Structures are given as structure tokens and as C-alpha cells.
Amino acid sequence: MRGDDRFVKVYGKGIANVNEIWVDRETGVNYLFHEAGYAGGLCVLVDQNGKPVVTDTYTLEHERY
């Protein structure tokens, strides 16, 4: 695992209204970041059971983002 960046952006869309998904490299937890104008927010992505969406470390290290 790379030691310089704890979070990696795995998805991004939009210019004025931005949606991005960020993954914590240490825990694998996925976060949704939304920005609209001067406002923004970050929240944990959850599955249908309310548990955090987690990306395994193998996928993080072997996929290109």
C-alpha cells in the first residue's frame, strides 16, 4: 500500500454539481462527496443493510484510479 495518500478518488462526475466517491486506503470504507456551488458534503456509503460499503485492499492496490 502506498504511504503518501490515505484516500483515493475512484469515481468523479460533474463540473458545477460534483459527485465523487473516495476510498480510505487503510479501512477500505467508501465515501460520497457532493459539491454544489460553494457548499459540499461527505458521507459514508452504505449497503441495503445499512453497513458501510468496503472495497478490499487487493482491489485498491491492483486497480488504476
PDB file of N, CA and C in Angstrom:
ATOM      1  N   MET A   1       0.838  -1.178   0.000  1.00  0.00           N
ATOM      2  CA  MET A   1       0.000   0.000   0.000  1.00  0.00           C
ATOM      3  C   MET A   1       0.877   1.232   0.000  1.00  0.00           C
ATOM      4  N   ARG A   2       0.486   2.206  -0.790  1.00  0.00           N
ATOM      5  CA  ARG A   2       1.233   3.463  -0.851  1.00  0.00           C
ATOM      6  C   ARG A   2       1.040   4.222   0.454  1.00  0.00           C
ATOM      7  N   GLY A   3       2.105   4.827   0.944  1.00  0.00           N
ATOM      8  CA  GLY A   3       2.024   5.537   2.203  1.00  0.00           C
ATOM      9  C   GLY A   3       1.746   7.016   2.075  1.00  0.00           C
ATOM     10  N   ASP A   4       1.715   7.558   0.852  1.00  0.00           N
ATOM     11  CA  ASP A   4       1.591   9.005   0.696  1.00  0.00           C
ATOM     12  C   ASP A   4       0.154   9.513   0.632  1.00  0.00           C
ATOM     13  N   ASP A   5      -0.783   8.708   0.200  1.00  0.00           N
ATOM     14  CA  ASP A   5      -2.177   9.140   0.054  1.00  0.00           C
ATOM     15  C   ASP A   5      -3.099   8.171   0.790  1.00  0.00           C
ATOM     16  N   ARG A   6      -3.774   8.669   1.830  1.00  0.00           N
ATOM     17  CA  ARG A   6      -4.683   7.792   2.559  1.00  0.00           C
ATOM     18  C   ARG A   6      -5.967   7.559   1.768  1.00  0.00           C
ATOM     19  N   PHE A   7      -6.443   8.580   1.062  1.00  0.00           N
ATOM     20  CA  PHE A   7      -7.690   8.464   0.310  1.00  0.00           C
ATOM     21  C   PHE A   7      -7.413   8.488  -1.181  1.00  0.00           C
ATOM     22  N   VAL A   8      -8.191   7.716  -1.931  1.00  0.00           N
ATOM     23  CA  VAL A   8      -8.065   7.693  -3.384  1.00  0.00           C
ATOM     24  C   VAL A   8      -9.449   7.915  -3.984  1.00  0.00           C
ATOM     25  N   LYS A   9      -9.507   8.782  -5.005  1.00  0.00           N
ATOM     26  CA  LYS A   9     -10.772   9.027  -5.704  1.00  0.00           C
ATOM     27  C   LYS A   9     -10.964   7.938  -6.743  1.00  0.00           C
ATOM     28  N   VAL A  10     -12.104   7.225  -6.649  1.00  0.00           N
ATOM     29  CA  VAL A  10     -12.372   6.132  -7.578  1.00  0.00           C
ATOM     30  C   VAL A  10     -13.462   6.469  -8.587  1.00  0.00           C
ATOM     31  N   TYR A  11     -14.166   7.580  -8.357  1.00  0.00           N
ATOM     32  CA  TYR A  11     -15.230   7.984  -9.273  1.00  0.00           C
ATOM     33  C   TYR A  11     -15.416   9.492  -9.165  1.00  0.00           C
ATOM     34  N   GLY A  12     -15.664  10.125 -10.282  1.00  0.00           N
ATOM     35  CA  GLY A  12     -15.946  11.549 -10.284  1.00  0.00           C
ATOM     36  C   GLY A  12     -16.789  11.920 -11.493  1.00  0.00           C
ATOM     37  N   LYS A  13     -17.783  12.795 -11.259  1.00  0.00           N
ATOM     38  CA  LYS A  13     -18.649  13.227 -12.350  1.00  0.00           C
ATOM     39  C   LYS A  13     -19.166  14.616 -12.027  1.00  0.00           C
ATOM     40  N   GLY A  14     -19.202  15.461 -13.035  1.00  0.00           N
ATOM     41  CA  GLY A  14     -19.806  16.770 -12.887  1.00  0.00           C
ATOM     42  C   GLY A  14     -18.797  17.898 -12.807  1.00  0.00           C
ATOM     43  N   ILE A  15     -19.277  19.105 -13.087  1.00  0.00           N
ATOM     44  CA  ILE A  15     -18.455  20.315 -13.017  1.00  0.00           C
ATOM     45  C   ILE A  15     -19.066  21.283 -12.007  1.00  0.00           C
ATOM     46  N   ALA A  16     -20.306  21.708 -12.238  1.00  0.00           N
ATOM     47  CA  ALA A  16     -20.969  22.622 -11.308  1.00  0.00           C
ATOM     48  C   ALA A  16     -21.526  21.858 -10.106  1.00  0.00           C
ATOM     49  N   ASN A  17     -22.099  20.703 -10.365  1.00  0.00           N
ATOM     50  CA  ASN A  17     -22.576  19.801  -9.317  1.00  0.00           C
ATOM     51  C   ASN A  17     -21.721  18.540  -9.384  1.00  0.00           C
ATOM     52  N   VAL A  18     -20.844  18.383  -8.432  1.00  0.00           N
ATOM     53  CA  VAL A  18     -19.847  17.319  -8.463  1.00  0.00           C
ATOM     54  C   VAL A  18     -20.248  16.177  -7.542  1.00  0.00           C
ATOM     55  N   ASN A  19     -20.132  14.957  -8.034  1.00  0.00           N
ATOM     56  CA  ASN A  19     -20.285  13.750  -7.225  1.00  0.00           C
ATOM     57  C   ASN A  19     -18.992  12.953  -7.356  1.00  0.00           C
ATOM     58  N   GLU A  20     -18.408  12.582  -6.219  1.00  0.00           N
ATOM     59  CA  GLU A  20     -17.176  11.799  -6.215  1.00  0.00           C
ATOM     60  C   GLU A  20     -17.290  10.703  -5.177  1.00  0.00           C
ATOM     61  N   ILE A  21     -16.638   9.578  -5.446  1.00  0.00           N
ATOM     62  CA  ILE A  21     -16.521   8.514  -4.463  1.00  0.00           C
ATOM     63  C   ILE A  21     -15.051   8.393  -4.105  1.00  0.00           C
ATOM     64  N   TRP A  22     -14.771   8.453  -2.807  1.00  0.00           N
ATOM     65  CA  TRP A  22     -13.419   8.349  -2.264  1.00  0.00           C
ATOM     66  C   TRP A  22     -13.338   7.108  -1.388  1.00  0.00           C
ATOM     67  N   VAL A  23     -12.195   6.421  -1.434  1.00  0.00           N
ATOM     68  CA  VAL A  23     -11.991   5.218  -0.626  1.00  0.00           C
ATOM     69  C   VAL A  23     -10.818   5.446   0.308  1.00  0.00           C
ATOM     70  N   ASP A  24     -11.014   5.117   1.572  1.00  0.00           N
ATOM     71  CA  ASP A  24      -9.962   5.170   2.581  1.00  0.00           C
ATOM     72  C   ASP A  24      -9.066   3.945   2.378  1.00  0.00           C
ATOM     73  N   ARG A  25      -7.807   4.147   2.073  1.00  0.00           N
ATOM     74  CA  ARG A  25      -6.894   3.038   1.801  1.00  0.00           C
ATOM     75  C   ARG A  25      -6.620   2.178   3.029  1.00  0.00           C
ATOM     76  N   GLU A  26      -6.762   2.729   4.220  1.00  0.00           N
ATOM     77  CA  GLU A  26      -6.492   1.953   5.433  1.00  0.00           C
ATOM     78  C   GLU A  26      -7.659   1.051   5.809  1.00  0.00           C
ATOM     79  N   THR A  27      -8.881   1.547   5.657  1.00  0.00           N
ATOM     80  CA  THR A  27     -10.050   0.775   6.082  1.00  0.00           C
ATOM     81  C   THR A  27     -10.848   0.199   4.922  1.00  0.00           C
ATOM     82  N   GLY A  28     -10.701   0.767   3.715  1.00  0.00           N
ATOM     83  CA  GLY A  28     -11.475   0.334   2.560  1.00  0.00           C
ATOM     84  C   GLY A  28     -12.872   0.920   2.500  1.00  0.00           C
ATOM     85  N   VAL A  29     -13.244   1.755   3.472  1.00  0.00           N
ATOM     86  CA  VAL A  29     -14.576   2.348   3.521  1.00  0.00           C
ATOM     87  C   VAL A  29     -14.739   3.371   2.397  1.00  0.00           C
ATOM     88  N   ASN A  30     -15.912   3.343   1.745  1.00  0.00           N
ATOM     89  CA  ASN A  30     -16.234   4.244   0.631  1.00  0.00           C
ATOM     90  C   ASN A  30     -17.032   5.433   1.141  1.00  0.00           C
ATOM     91  N   TYR A  31     -16.707   6.623   0.611  1.00  0.00           N
ATOM     92  CA  TYR A  31     -17.389   7.862   0.981  1.00  0.00           C
ATOM     93  C   TYR A  31     -17.892   8.558  -0.270  1.00  0.00           C
ATOM     94  N   LEU A  32     -19.060   9.186  -0.166  1.00  0.00           N
ATOM     95  CA  LEU A  32     -19.603  10.001  -1.241  1.00  0.00           C
ATOM     96  C   LEU A  32     -19.374  11.453  -0.894  1.00  0.00           C
ATOM     97  N   PHE A  33     -18.771  12.201  -1.820  1.00  0.00           N
ATOM     98  CA  PHE A  33     -18.591  13.639  -1.671  1.00  0.00           C
ATOM     99  C   PHE A  33     -19.450  14.313  -2.726  1.00  0.00           C
ATOM    100  N   HIS A  34     -20.262  15.283  -2.299  1.00  0.00           N
ATOM    101  CA  HIS A  34     -21.096  16.040  -3.232  1.00  0.00           C
ATOM    102  C   HIS A  34     -20.809  17.518  -3.030  1.00  0.00           C
ATOM    103  N   GLU A  35     -20.605  18.218  -4.144  1.00  0.00           N
ATOM    104  CA  GLU A  35     -20.336  19.655  -4.107  1.00  0.00           C
ATOM    105  C   GLU A  35     -21.272  20.348  -5.074  1.00  0.00           C
ATOM    106  N   ALA A  36     -21.891  21.432  -4.601  1.00  0.00           N
ATOM    107  CA  ALA A  36     -22.772  22.240  -5.439  1.00  0.00           C
ATOM    108  C   ALA A  36     -22.507  23.699  -5.110  1.00  0.00           C
ATOM    109  N   GLY A  37     -21.890  24.422  -6.038  1.00  0.00           N
ATOM    110  CA  GLY A  37     -21.548  25.824  -5.785  1.00  0.00           C
ATOM    111  C   GLY A  37     -20.513  25.933  -4.680  1.00  0.00           C
ATOM    112  N   TYR A  38     -20.860  26.673  -3.633  1.00  0.00           N
ATOM    113  CA  TYR A  38     -19.936  26.864  -2.516  1.00  0.00           C
ATOM    114  C   TYR A  38     -20.200  25.892  -1.371  1.00  0.00           C
ATOM    115  N   ALA A  39     -21.120  24.974  -1.534  1.00  0.00           N
ATOM    116  CA  ALA A  39     -21.465  24.021  -0.476  1.00  0.00           C
ATOM    117  C   ALA A  39     -21.004  22.620  -0.862  1.00  0.00           C
ATOM    118  N   GLY A  40     -20.729  21.815   0.135  1.00  0.00           N
ATOM    119  CA  GLY A  40     -20.310  20.447  -0.111  1.00  0.00           C
ATOM    120  C   GLY A  40     -20.575  19.587   1.100  1.00  0.00           C
ATOM    121  N   GLY A  41     -20.569  18.289   0.895  1.00  0.00           N
ATOM    122  CA  GLY A  41     -20.797  17.373   1.997  1.00  0.00           C
ATOM    123  C   GLY A  41     -20.159  16.031   1.726  1.00  0.00           C
ATOM    124  N   LEU A  42     -19.879  15.306   2.797  1.00  0.00           N
ATOM    125  CA  LEU A  42     -19.240  13.997   2.723  1.00  0.00           C
ATOM    126  C   LEU A  42     -20.014  13.046   3.612  1.00  0.00           C
ATOM    127  N   CYS A  43     -20.288  11.837   3.117  1.00  0.00           N
ATOM    128  CA  CYS A  43     -20.957  10.840   3.955  1.00  0.00           C
ATOM    129  C   CYS A  43     -20.471   9.451   3.569  1.00  0.00           C
ATOM    130  N   VAL A  44     -20.637   8.533   4.486  1.00  0.00           N
ATOM    131  CA  VAL A  44     -20.264   7.136   4.259  1.00  0.00           C
ATOM    132  C   VAL A  44     -21.306   6.504   3.340  1.00  0.00           C
ATOM    133  N   LEU A  45     -20.846   5.741   2.360  1.00  0.00           N
ATOM    134  CA  LEU A  45     -21.776   4.972   1.529  1.00  0.00           C
ATOM    135  C   LEU A  45     -22.160   3.707   2.287  1.00  0.00           C
ATOM    136  N   VAL A  46     -23.442   3.374   2.302  1.00  0.00           N
ATOM    137  CA  VAL A  46     -23.905   2.173   2.988  1.00  0.00           C
ATOM    138  C   VAL A  46     -24.646   1.269   2.020  1.00  0.00           C
ATOM    139  N   ASP A  47     -24.661  -0.040   2.339  1.00  0.00           N
ATOM    140  CA  ASP A  47     -25.387  -1.003   1.510  1.00  0.00           C
ATOM    141  C   ASP A  47     -26.851  -1.062   1.957  1.00  0.00           C
ATOM    142  N   GLN A  48     -27.610  -1.992   1.404  1.00  0.00           N
ATOM    143  CA  GLN A  48     -29.032  -2.095   1.699  1.00  0.00           C
ATOM    144  C   GLN A  48     -29.315  -2.469   3.150  1.00  0.00           C
ATOM    145  N   ASN A  49     -28.319  -2.980   3.868  1.00  0.00           N
ATOM    146  CA  ASN A  49     -28.484  -3.335   5.277  1.00  0.00           C
ATOM    147  C   ASN A  49     -27.982  -2.246   6.214  1.00  0.00           C
ATOM    148  N   GLY A  50     -27.515  -1.126   5.663  1.00  0.00           N
ATOM    149  CA  GLY A  50     -27.027  -0.036   6.487  1.00  0.00           C
ATOM    150  C   GLY A  50     -25.581  -0.168   6.919  1.00  0.00           C
ATOM    151  N   LYS A  51     -24.862  -1.140   6.358  1.00  0.00           N
ATOM    152  CA  LYS A  51     -23.449  -1.329   6.693  1.00  0.00           C
ATOM    153  C   LYS A  51     -22.588  -0.590   5.672  1.00  0.00           C
ATOM    154  N   PRO A  52     -21.438  -0.061   6.090  1.00  0.00           N
ATOM    155  CA  PRO A  52     -20.571   0.677   5.161  1.00  0.00           C
ATOM    156  C   PRO A  52     -20.115  -0.187   3.981  1.00  0.00           C
ATOM    157  N   VAL A  53     -20.061   0.428   2.817  1.00  0.00           N
ATOM    158  CA  VAL A  53     -19.515  -0.239   1.633  1.00  0.00           C
ATOM    159  C   VAL A  53     -17.996  -0.239   1.782  1.00  0.00           C
ATOM    160  N   VAL A  54     -17.387  -1.428   1.679  1.00  0.00           N
ATOM    161  CA  VAL A  54     -15.949  -1.571   1.876  1.00  0.00           C
ATOM    162  C   VAL A  54     -15.334  -2.192   0.625  1.00  0.00           C
ATOM    163  N   THR A  55     -14.274  -1.570   0.125  1.00  0.00           N
ATOM    164  CA  THR A  55     -13.504  -2.100  -1.002  1.00  0.00           C
ATOM    165  C   THR A  55     -12.297  -2.823  -0.433  1.00  0.00           C
ATOM    166  N   ASP A  56     -12.068  -4.067  -0.865  1.00  0.00           N
ATOM    167  CA  ASP A  56     -10.943  -4.823  -0.324  1.00  0.00           C
ATOM    168  C   ASP A  56      -9.608  -4.222  -0.774  1.00  0.00           C
ATOM    169  N   THR A  57      -8.582  -4.428   0.015  1.00  0.00           N
ATOM    170  CA  THR A  57      -7.279  -3.808  -0.248  1.00  0.00           C
ATOM    171  C   THR A  57      -6.641  -4.328  -1.532  1.00  0.00           C
ATOM    172  N   TYR A  58      -6.910  -5.582  -1.915  1.00  0.00           N
ATOM    173  CA  TYR A  58      -6.358  -6.111  -3.157  1.00  0.00           C
ATOM    174  C   TYR A  58      -6.857  -5.290  -4.346  1.00  0.00           C
ATOM    175  N   THR A  59      -8.154  -5.005  -4.379  1.00  0.00           N
ATOM    176  CA  THR A  59      -8.734  -4.203  -5.456  1.00  0.00           C
ATOM    177  C   THR A  59      -8.145  -2.818  -5.481  1.00  0.00           C
ATOM    178  N   LEU A  60      -7.967  -2.204  -4.303  1.00  0.00           N
ATOM    179  CA  LEU A  60      -7.392  -0.870  -4.227  1.00  0.00           C
ATOM    180  C   LEU A  60      -5.984  -0.811  -4.807  1.00  0.00           C
ATOM    181  N   GLU A  61      -5.194  -1.821  -4.552  1.00  0.00           N
ATOM    182  CA  GLU A  61      -3.798  -1.817  -4.993  1.00  0.00           C
ATOM    183  C   GLU A  61      -3.626  -2.251  -6.439  1.00  0.00           C
ATOM    184  N   HIS A  62      -4.593  -2.986  -6.996  1.00  0.00           N
ATOM    185  CA  HIS A  62      -4.405  -3.521  -8.347  1.00  0.00           C
ATOM    186  C   HIS A  62      -5.271  -2.856  -9.408  1.00  0.00           C
ATOM    187  N   GLU A  63      -6.165  -1.988  -9.008  1.00  0.00           N
ATOM    188  CA  GLU A  63      -6.967  -1.228  -9.967  1.00  0.00           C
ATOM    189  C   GLU A  63      -6.347   0.147 -10.152  1.00  0.00           C
ATOM    190  N   ARG A  64      -6.494   0.711 -11.325  1.00  0.00           N
ATOM    191  CA  ARG A  64      -5.978   2.056 -11.580  1.00  0.00           C
ATOM    192  C   ARG A  64      -7.111   3.051 -11.454  1.00  0.00           C
ATOM    193  N   TYR A  65      -6.915   4.042 -10.592  1.00  0.00           N
ATOM    194  CA  TYR A  65      -7.938   5.075 -10.403  1.00  0.00           C
ATOM    195  C   TYR A  65      -7.389   6.397 -10.780  1.00  0.00           C
TER     196      TYR A  65
END
